[in-house]
Amino acid sequence: MLDFKFITAHFINNEKTTVESEWMDSDELIHIDVTEVEEGNLAWEEILKHITVDEIHELTYKNIKDQRAEFEATVMKIAEAEGLIEATKKTDEVQLIIDIITTDVIDKEKLFKLKLSLFEMEQVKNSKARVDKTALRKAETFVETIAAYSKF
């Protein structure tokens, strides 16, 4: 690797005993080399001429993070292509609604936010029905709120 230009290196195992390094030759072709981390290993010592162990640790962290992001993006593309995301989203929304309606504990802040959101809906905002708006404003549970909103 003496006539190659060093590009980068990162650990490829959890024990941090193996390093993958990238080198570029004079034709700008990239070469990958896997090296054992051990004193006396000439390939390892050559890598250390170009980069510190701390930098290798940082690049390893970045490499793992980048691989994770690529993996997640690939999984999302597959899920979208298979129609799994929309189905999951709908299931989650339905379950959320069921959980809210059937709960015995009334979260006043969530109830207030729900009412605010409903008052921003066009059919409520443009309505002249003061009695229905009052009923919506005074509703004390999620069910009462939804029932009052359904009159618009």
N, C-alpha and C. Protein backbone atom coordinates (compact mmCIF):
# COMPACT_ATOMS: atom_id res chain seq x y z
N MET A 1 0.81 -1.19 0.00
CA MET A 1 0.00 0.00 0.00
C MET A 1 0.87 1.27 0.00
N LEU A 2 2.15 1.11 -0.17
CA LEU A 2 3.03 2.26 -0.09
C LEU A 2 2.78 3.29 -1.18
N ASP A 3 2.41 2.86 -2.39
CA ASP A 3 2.15 3.85 -3.44
C ASP A 3 0.67 4.19 -3.53
N PHE A 4 -0.11 3.79 -2.55
CA PHE A 4 -1.54 4.10 -2.50
C PHE A 4 -1.75 5.28 -1.57
N LYS A 5 -2.81 6.03 -1.84
CA LYS A 5 -3.16 7.16 -0.98
C LYS A 5 -4.22 6.70 0.02
N PHE A 6 -3.98 6.95 1.30
CA PHE A 6 -4.92 6.57 2.35
C PHE A 6 -6.17 7.44 2.24
N ILE A 7 -7.37 6.80 2.41
CA ILE A 7 -8.63 7.55 2.37
C ILE A 7 -9.29 7.55 3.75
N THR A 8 -9.57 6.36 4.28
CA THR A 8 -10.26 6.27 5.56
C THR A 8 -10.10 4.88 6.16
N ALA A 9 -10.52 4.75 7.43
CA ALA A 9 -10.48 3.46 8.11
C ALA A 9 -11.52 3.45 9.23
N HIS A 10 -12.03 2.26 9.52
CA HIS A 10 -12.96 2.10 10.64
C HIS A 10 -12.92 0.64 11.11
N PHE A 11 -13.27 0.46 12.38
CA PHE A 11 -13.34 -0.89 12.93
C PHE A 11 -14.54 -1.61 12.33
N ILE A 12 -14.40 -2.93 12.15
CA ILE A 12 -15.51 -3.69 11.56
C ILE A 12 -16.02 -4.79 12.49
N ASN A 13 -15.53 -4.81 13.72
CA ASN A 13 -16.08 -5.77 14.67
C ASN A 13 -16.21 -5.09 16.04
N ASN A 14 -17.05 -5.66 16.88
CA ASN A 14 -17.32 -5.07 18.20
C ASN A 14 -16.09 -5.07 19.11
N GLU A 15 -15.23 -6.02 18.91
CA GLU A 15 -14.04 -6.13 19.76
C GLU A 15 -12.98 -5.11 19.38
N LYS A 16 -13.15 -4.45 18.26
CA LYS A 16 -12.19 -3.44 17.75
C LYS A 16 -10.81 -4.06 17.49
N THR A 17 -10.84 -5.29 16.94
CA THR A 17 -9.58 -5.97 16.64
C THR A 17 -9.33 -6.06 15.13
N THR A 18 -10.30 -5.59 14.34
CA THR A 18 -10.16 -5.65 12.89
C THR A 18 -10.56 -4.30 12.30
N VAL A 19 -9.73 -3.81 11.37
CA VAL A 19 -9.97 -2.51 10.74
C VAL A 19 -10.11 -2.70 9.24
N GLU A 20 -11.08 -2.00 8.67
CA GLU A 20 -11.20 -1.94 7.21
C GLU A 20 -10.68 -0.58 6.79
N SER A 21 -9.76 -0.57 5.86
CA SER A 21 -9.21 0.70 5.38
C SER A 21 -9.41 0.81 3.87
N GLU A 22 -9.50 2.05 3.42
CA GLU A 22 -9.67 2.32 2.00
C GLU A 22 -8.45 3.09 1.50
N TRP A 23 -8.00 2.68 0.32
CA TRP A 23 -6.82 3.28 -0.28
C TRP A 23 -7.11 3.55 -1.76
N MET A 24 -6.51 4.59 -2.31
CA MET A 24 -6.69 4.91 -3.71
C MET A 24 -5.35 4.75 -4.45
N ASP A 25 -5.42 4.05 -5.59
CA ASP A 25 -4.19 3.88 -6.38
C ASP A 25 -4.03 5.05 -7.36
N SER A 26 -2.99 5.02 -8.15
CA SER A 26 -2.69 6.12 -9.07
C SER A 26 -3.74 6.27 -10.17
N ASP A 27 -4.53 5.22 -10.43
CA ASP A 27 -5.61 5.29 -11.41
C ASP A 27 -6.93 5.70 -10.77
N GLU A 28 -6.87 6.09 -9.50
CA GLU A 28 -8.02 6.52 -8.70
C GLU A 28 -9.04 5.40 -8.46
N LEU A 29 -8.55 4.16 -8.44
CA LEU A 29 -9.38 3.03 -8.06
C LEU A 29 -9.26 2.84 -6.55
N ILE A 30 -10.39 2.54 -5.92
CA ILE A 30 -10.42 2.35 -4.47
C ILE A 30 -10.17 0.88 -4.15
N HIS A 31 -9.28 0.66 -3.18
CA HIS A 31 -8.96 -0.68 -2.72
C HIS A 31 -9.32 -0.77 -1.24
N ILE A 32 -9.97 -1.87 -0.88
CA ILE A 32 -10.35 -2.11 0.51
C ILE A 32 -9.39 -3.14 1.09
N ASP A 33 -8.90 -2.86 2.29
CA ASP A 33 -7.99 -3.78 2.96
C ASP A 33 -8.51 -4.04 4.37
N VAL A 34 -8.53 -5.28 4.78
CA VAL A 34 -8.94 -5.65 6.13
C VAL A 34 -7.68 -6.07 6.89
N THR A 35 -7.51 -5.44 8.06
CA THR A 35 -6.27 -5.61 8.81
C THR A 35 -6.57 -5.94 10.27
N GLU A 36 -5.80 -6.86 10.82
CA GLU A 36 -5.89 -7.17 12.24
C GLU A 36 -5.15 -6.09 13.03
N VAL A 37 -5.76 -5.68 14.13
CA VAL A 37 -5.16 -4.66 14.99
C VAL A 37 -4.25 -5.37 15.98
N GLU A 38 -2.96 -5.35 15.68
CA GLU A 38 -2.02 -5.96 16.61
C GLU A 38 -0.63 -5.36 16.39
N GLU A 39 0.05 -5.20 17.48
CA GLU A 39 1.39 -4.64 17.43
C GLU A 39 2.29 -5.54 16.58
N GLY A 40 3.08 -4.93 15.73
CA GLY A 40 3.97 -5.70 14.87
C GLY A 40 3.37 -6.00 13.50
N ASN A 41 2.07 -5.82 13.33
CA ASN A 41 1.42 -6.03 12.03
C ASN A 41 1.75 -4.81 11.16
N LEU A 42 2.50 -5.03 10.09
CA LEU A 42 2.97 -3.93 9.25
C LEU A 42 1.81 -3.15 8.62
N ALA A 43 0.75 -3.83 8.22
CA ALA A 43 -0.40 -3.16 7.62
C ALA A 43 -1.07 -2.22 8.65
N TRP A 44 -1.21 -2.69 9.89
CA TRP A 44 -1.77 -1.87 10.96
C TRP A 44 -0.89 -0.66 11.23
N GLU A 45 0.40 -0.87 11.29
CA GLU A 45 1.34 0.23 11.52
C GLU A 45 1.31 1.25 10.38
N GLU A 46 1.08 0.78 9.15
CA GLU A 46 0.96 1.69 8.01
C GLU A 46 -0.30 2.56 8.15
N ILE A 47 -1.39 1.97 8.60
CA ILE A 47 -2.63 2.74 8.81
C ILE A 47 -2.39 3.82 9.86
N LEU A 48 -1.69 3.46 10.94
CA LEU A 48 -1.45 4.41 12.02
C LEU A 48 -0.54 5.57 11.61
N LYS A 49 0.14 5.45 10.49
CA LYS A 49 0.94 6.57 9.97
C LYS A 49 0.03 7.66 9.39
N HIS A 50 -1.22 7.29 9.08
CA HIS A 50 -2.14 8.22 8.41
C HIS A 50 -3.30 8.68 9.29
N ILE A 51 -3.53 7.96 10.38
CA ILE A 51 -4.71 8.24 11.21
C ILE A 51 -4.46 7.73 12.62
N THR A 52 -5.09 8.40 13.61
CA THR A 52 -4.94 7.94 15.00
C THR A 52 -6.04 6.94 15.34
N VAL A 53 -5.83 6.23 16.43
CA VAL A 53 -6.83 5.26 16.90
C VAL A 53 -8.13 6.00 17.28
N ASP A 54 -8.01 7.17 17.90
CA ASP A 54 -9.20 7.95 18.26
C ASP A 54 -9.99 8.34 17.01
N GLU A 55 -9.29 8.73 15.96
CA GLU A 55 -9.99 9.07 14.71
C GLU A 55 -10.68 7.85 14.11
N ILE A 56 -10.06 6.70 14.24
CA ILE A 56 -10.69 5.46 13.75
C ILE A 56 -11.97 5.19 14.54
N HIS A 57 -11.93 5.41 15.85
CA HIS A 57 -13.13 5.24 16.67
C HIS A 57 -14.25 6.20 16.21
N GLU A 58 -13.89 7.46 15.96
CA GLU A 58 -14.88 8.44 15.50
C GLU A 58 -15.46 8.03 14.14
N LEU A 59 -14.61 7.59 13.24
CA LEU A 59 -15.08 7.16 11.92
C LEU A 59 -15.93 5.89 12.01
N THR A 60 -15.61 5.04 12.97
CA THR A 60 -16.42 3.83 13.18
C THR A 60 -17.82 4.23 13.63
N TYR A 61 -17.92 5.15 14.57
CA TYR A 61 -19.21 5.63 15.04
C TYR A 61 -20.01 6.23 13.88
N LYS A 62 -19.36 7.07 13.08
CA LYS A 62 -20.03 7.71 11.94
C LYS A 62 -20.46 6.65 10.93
N ASN A 63 -19.62 5.67 10.68
CA ASN A 63 -19.94 4.61 9.73
C ASN A 63 -21.17 3.81 10.19
N ILE A 64 -21.22 3.48 11.47
CA ILE A 64 -22.36 2.74 12.02
C ILE A 64 -23.63 3.59 11.90
N LYS A 65 -23.52 4.86 12.22
CA LYS A 65 -24.66 5.77 12.13
C LYS A 65 -25.15 5.89 10.68
N ASP A 66 -24.24 6.02 9.74
CA ASP A 66 -24.60 6.11 8.32
C ASP A 66 -25.24 4.82 7.82
N GLN A 67 -24.68 3.68 8.22
CA GLN A 67 -25.26 2.39 7.82
C GLN A 67 -26.66 2.23 8.38
N ARG A 68 -26.87 2.68 9.60
CA ARG A 68 -28.19 2.60 10.23
C ARG A 68 -29.20 3.46 9.46
N ALA A 69 -28.79 4.66 9.09
CA ALA A 69 -29.67 5.55 8.33
C ALA A 69 -30.02 4.94 6.98
N GLU A 70 -29.04 4.36 6.31
CA GLU A 70 -29.30 3.69 5.02
C GLU A 70 -30.25 2.52 5.20
N PHE A 71 -30.04 1.73 6.25
CA PHE A 71 -30.90 0.59 6.53
C PHE A 71 -32.34 1.04 6.77
N GLU A 72 -32.52 2.08 7.61
CA GLU A 72 -33.85 2.57 7.90
C GLU A 72 -34.54 3.11 6.64
N ALA A 73 -33.78 3.83 5.80
CA ALA A 73 -34.35 4.36 4.56
C ALA A 73 -34.79 3.22 3.64
N THR A 74 -33.99 2.17 3.57
CA THR A 74 -34.34 1.01 2.73
C THR A 74 -35.58 0.31 3.26
N VAL A 75 -35.66 0.13 4.56
CA VAL A 75 -36.83 -0.50 5.16
C VAL A 75 -38.08 0.33 4.89
N MET A 76 -37.98 1.65 5.01
CA MET A 76 -39.12 2.52 4.76
C MET A 76 -39.57 2.43 3.30
N LYS A 77 -38.61 2.39 2.37
CA LYS A 77 -38.97 2.27 0.94
C LYS A 77 -39.70 0.96 0.67
N ILE A 78 -39.20 -0.11 1.26
CA ILE A 78 -39.85 -1.42 1.08
C ILE A 78 -41.25 -1.39 1.69
N ALA A 79 -41.37 -0.84 2.89
CA ALA A 79 -42.67 -0.78 3.55
C ALA A 79 -43.66 0.05 2.75
N GLU A 80 -43.20 1.16 2.19
CA GLU A 80 -44.08 2.00 1.36
C GLU A 80 -44.49 1.25 0.10
N ALA A 81 -43.53 0.58 -0.53
CA ALA A 81 -43.82 -0.16 -1.77
C ALA A 81 -44.81 -1.29 -1.52
N GLU A 82 -44.73 -1.90 -0.36
CA GLU A 82 -45.62 -3.01 -0.02
C GLU A 82 -46.94 -2.53 0.59
N GLY A 83 -47.07 -1.22 0.79
CA GLY A 83 -48.30 -0.67 1.37
C GLY A 83 -48.42 -0.91 2.86
N LEU A 84 -47.32 -1.19 3.54
CA LEU A 84 -47.37 -1.49 4.96
C LEU A 84 -47.44 -0.25 5.84
N ILE A 85 -46.86 0.84 5.40
CA ILE A 85 -46.82 2.04 6.23
C ILE A 85 -48.21 2.64 6.38
N GLU A 86 -48.93 2.76 5.30
CA GLU A 86 -50.27 3.33 5.37
C GLU A 86 -51.17 2.49 6.27
N ALA A 87 -51.09 1.17 6.13
CA ALA A 87 -51.91 0.29 6.97
C ALA A 87 -51.54 0.44 8.43
N THR A 88 -50.28 0.49 8.74
CA THR A 88 -49.82 0.65 10.12
C THR A 88 -50.28 1.99 10.67
N LYS A 89 -50.15 3.03 9.86
CA LYS A 89 -50.54 4.36 10.30
C LYS A 89 -52.03 4.40 10.64
N LYS A 90 -52.87 3.81 9.77
CA LYS A 90 -54.30 3.79 10.02
C LYS A 90 -54.62 3.00 11.27
N THR A 91 -53.97 1.87 11.45
CA THR A 91 -54.19 1.05 12.64
C THR A 91 -53.82 1.83 13.89
N ASP A 92 -52.70 2.53 13.86
CA ASP A 92 -52.27 3.32 15.01
C ASP A 92 -53.27 4.44 15.31
N GLU A 93 -53.77 5.11 14.27
CA GLU A 93 -54.72 6.20 14.46
C GLU A 93 -56.03 5.68 15.04
N VAL A 94 -56.51 4.56 14.53
CA VAL A 94 -57.75 3.97 15.05
C VAL A 94 -57.56 3.57 16.51
N GLN A 95 -56.45 2.94 16.82
CA GLN A 95 -56.19 2.53 18.20
C GLN A 95 -56.09 3.74 19.11
N LEU A 96 -55.46 4.81 18.63
CA LEU A 96 -55.34 6.03 19.43
C LEU A 96 -56.73 6.59 19.74
N ILE A 97 -57.60 6.63 18.73
CA ILE A 97 -58.96 7.13 18.94
C ILE A 97 -59.69 6.26 19.95
N ILE A 98 -59.60 4.96 19.80
CA ILE A 98 -60.26 4.04 20.74
C ILE A 98 -59.73 4.26 22.15
N ASP A 99 -58.42 4.39 22.29
CA ASP A 99 -57.82 4.61 23.62
C ASP A 99 -58.33 5.91 24.24
N ILE A 100 -58.42 6.96 23.43
CA ILE A 100 -58.88 8.26 23.94
C ILE A 100 -60.34 8.18 24.38
N ILE A 101 -61.18 7.57 23.56
CA ILE A 101 -62.61 7.52 23.85
C ILE A 101 -62.91 6.65 25.06
N THR A 102 -62.21 5.55 25.20
CA THR A 102 -62.53 4.59 26.26
C THR A 102 -61.82 4.85 27.58
N THR A 103 -60.97 5.82 27.64
CA THR A 103 -60.22 6.07 28.87
C THR A 103 -61.12 6.67 29.95
N ASP A 104 -60.87 6.29 31.17
CA ASP A 104 -61.62 6.85 32.30
C ASP A 104 -61.00 8.16 32.78
N VAL A 105 -59.73 8.34 32.50
CA VAL A 105 -59.01 9.53 32.94
C VAL A 105 -59.09 10.58 31.84
N ILE A 106 -59.56 11.76 32.19
CA ILE A 106 -59.68 12.84 31.21
C ILE A 106 -58.46 13.72 31.33
N ASP A 107 -57.70 13.79 30.24
CA ASP A 107 -56.54 14.66 30.17
C ASP A 107 -57.04 16.03 29.70
N LYS A 108 -57.13 16.96 30.64
CA LYS A 108 -57.71 18.28 30.34
C LYS A 108 -56.94 19.00 29.23
N GLU A 109 -55.62 18.85 29.22
CA GLU A 109 -54.82 19.53 28.20
C GLU A 109 -55.12 18.97 26.81
N LYS A 110 -55.20 17.63 26.69
CA LYS A 110 -55.51 17.01 25.41
C LYS A 110 -56.92 17.37 24.96
N LEU A 111 -57.86 17.42 25.91
CA LEU A 111 -59.23 17.79 25.60
C LEU A 111 -59.27 19.22 25.08
N PHE A 112 -58.54 20.11 25.72
CA PHE A 112 -58.48 21.50 25.30
C PHE A 112 -57.89 21.63 23.89
N LYS A 113 -56.80 20.90 23.64
CA LYS A 113 -56.17 20.93 22.31
C LYS A 113 -57.11 20.39 21.24
N LEU A 114 -57.86 19.34 21.58
CA LEU A 114 -58.83 18.79 20.64
C LEU A 114 -59.88 19.83 20.30
N LYS A 115 -60.41 20.49 21.32
CA LYS A 115 -61.42 21.52 21.08
C LYS A 115 -60.86 22.65 20.22
N LEU A 116 -59.65 23.09 20.51
CA LEU A 116 -59.03 24.14 19.69
C LEU A 116 -58.92 23.71 18.22
N SER A 117 -58.47 22.48 18.01
CA SER A 117 -58.35 21.96 16.64
C SER A 117 -59.71 21.91 15.96
N LEU A 118 -60.73 21.51 16.69
CA LEU A 118 -62.07 21.43 16.09
C LEU A 118 -62.62 22.81 15.76
N PHE A 119 -62.35 23.79 16.61
CA PHE A 119 -62.80 25.15 16.33
C PHE A 119 -62.09 25.76 15.12
N GLU A 120 -60.95 25.20 14.75
CA GLU A 120 -60.24 25.68 13.56
C GLU A 120 -60.76 25.03 12.28
N MET A 121 -61.57 23.99 12.38
CA MET A 121 -62.14 23.34 11.21
C MET A 121 -63.11 24.30 10.52
N GLU A 122 -63.11 24.29 9.20
CA GLU A 122 -63.93 25.22 8.42
C GLU A 122 -65.41 25.17 8.79
N GLN A 123 -65.97 23.96 8.95
CA GLN A 123 -67.40 23.85 9.22
C GLN A 123 -67.77 24.45 10.57
N VAL A 124 -66.84 24.44 11.54
CA VAL A 124 -67.11 25.06 12.84
C VAL A 124 -66.84 26.56 12.75
N LYS A 125 -65.71 26.90 12.16
CA LYS A 125 -65.31 28.30 12.04
C LYS A 125 -66.39 29.12 11.30
N ASN A 126 -66.95 28.56 10.24
CA ASN A 126 -67.92 29.29 9.42
C ASN A 126 -69.36 29.15 9.90
N SER A 127 -69.58 28.35 10.92
CA SER A 127 -70.93 28.10 11.40
C SER A 127 -71.48 29.29 12.18
N LYS A 128 -72.79 29.53 12.02
CA LYS A 128 -73.50 30.58 12.78
C LYS A 128 -74.26 29.98 13.96
N ALA A 129 -74.17 28.65 14.14
CA ALA A 129 -74.91 27.94 15.20
C ALA A 129 -74.23 28.16 16.54
N ARG A 130 -74.66 29.20 17.24
CA ARG A 130 -74.06 29.55 18.52
C ARG A 130 -74.30 28.48 19.58
N VAL A 131 -75.45 27.85 19.55
CA VAL A 131 -75.78 26.82 20.54
C VAL A 131 -74.83 25.62 20.38
N ASP A 132 -74.59 25.23 19.12
CA ASP A 132 -73.70 24.09 18.86
C ASP A 132 -72.25 24.44 19.25
N LYS A 133 -71.84 25.66 18.97
CA LYS A 133 -70.49 26.09 19.35
C LYS A 133 -70.35 26.11 20.88
N THR A 134 -71.38 26.54 21.57
CA THR A 134 -71.36 26.56 23.04
C THR A 134 -71.26 25.13 23.58
N ALA A 135 -72.02 24.22 22.97
CA ALA A 135 -71.99 22.82 23.41
C ALA A 135 -70.59 22.24 23.22
N LEU A 136 -69.97 22.56 22.10
CA LEU A 136 -68.61 22.09 21.85
C LEU A 136 -67.64 22.68 22.87
N ARG A 137 -67.78 23.95 23.14
CA ARG A 137 -66.90 24.62 24.10
C ARG A 137 -67.05 24.05 25.51
N LYS A 138 -68.28 23.69 25.91
CA LYS A 138 -68.55 23.24 27.27
C LYS A 138 -68.41 21.73 27.46
N ALA A 139 -68.17 20.98 26.39
CA ALA A 139 -68.04 19.52 26.51
C ALA A 139 -66.95 19.18 27.52
N GLU A 140 -67.23 18.18 28.36
CA GLU A 140 -66.30 17.84 29.44
C GLU A 140 -65.55 16.53 29.22
N THR A 141 -65.91 15.77 28.20
CA THR A 141 -65.22 14.52 27.90
C THR A 141 -64.93 14.48 26.40
N PHE A 142 -64.12 13.52 26.02
CA PHE A 142 -63.81 13.37 24.60
C PHE A 142 -65.06 12.96 23.82
N VAL A 143 -65.86 12.08 24.40
CA VAL A 143 -67.08 11.61 23.72
C VAL A 143 -68.04 12.78 23.53
N GLU A 144 -68.24 13.60 24.57
CA GLU A 144 -69.11 14.77 24.46
C GLU A 144 -68.59 15.74 23.40
N THR A 145 -67.29 15.89 23.34
CA THR A 145 -66.68 16.79 22.37
C THR A 145 -66.93 16.30 20.95
N ILE A 146 -66.73 15.02 20.72
CA ILE A 146 -66.96 14.45 19.39
C ILE A 146 -68.45 14.53 19.03
N ALA A 147 -69.31 14.26 20.00
CA ALA A 147 -70.76 14.33 19.76
C ALA A 147 -71.16 15.76 19.40
N ALA A 148 -70.62 16.75 20.11
CA ALA A 148 -70.94 18.14 19.82
C ALA A 148 -70.41 18.53 18.43
N TYR A 149 -69.23 18.07 18.11
CA TYR A 149 -68.64 18.38 16.79
C TYR A 149 -69.45 17.76 15.66
N SER A 150 -70.02 16.58 15.91
CA SER A 150 -70.75 15.87 14.84
C SER A 150 -72.00 16.63 14.40
N LYS A 151 -72.44 17.63 15.15
CA LYS A 151 -73.63 18.42 14.79
C LYS A 151 -73.32 19.48 13.75
N PHE A 152 -72.07 19.66 13.40
CA PHE A 152 -71.71 20.70 12.41
C PHE A 152 -71.78 20.18 11.03
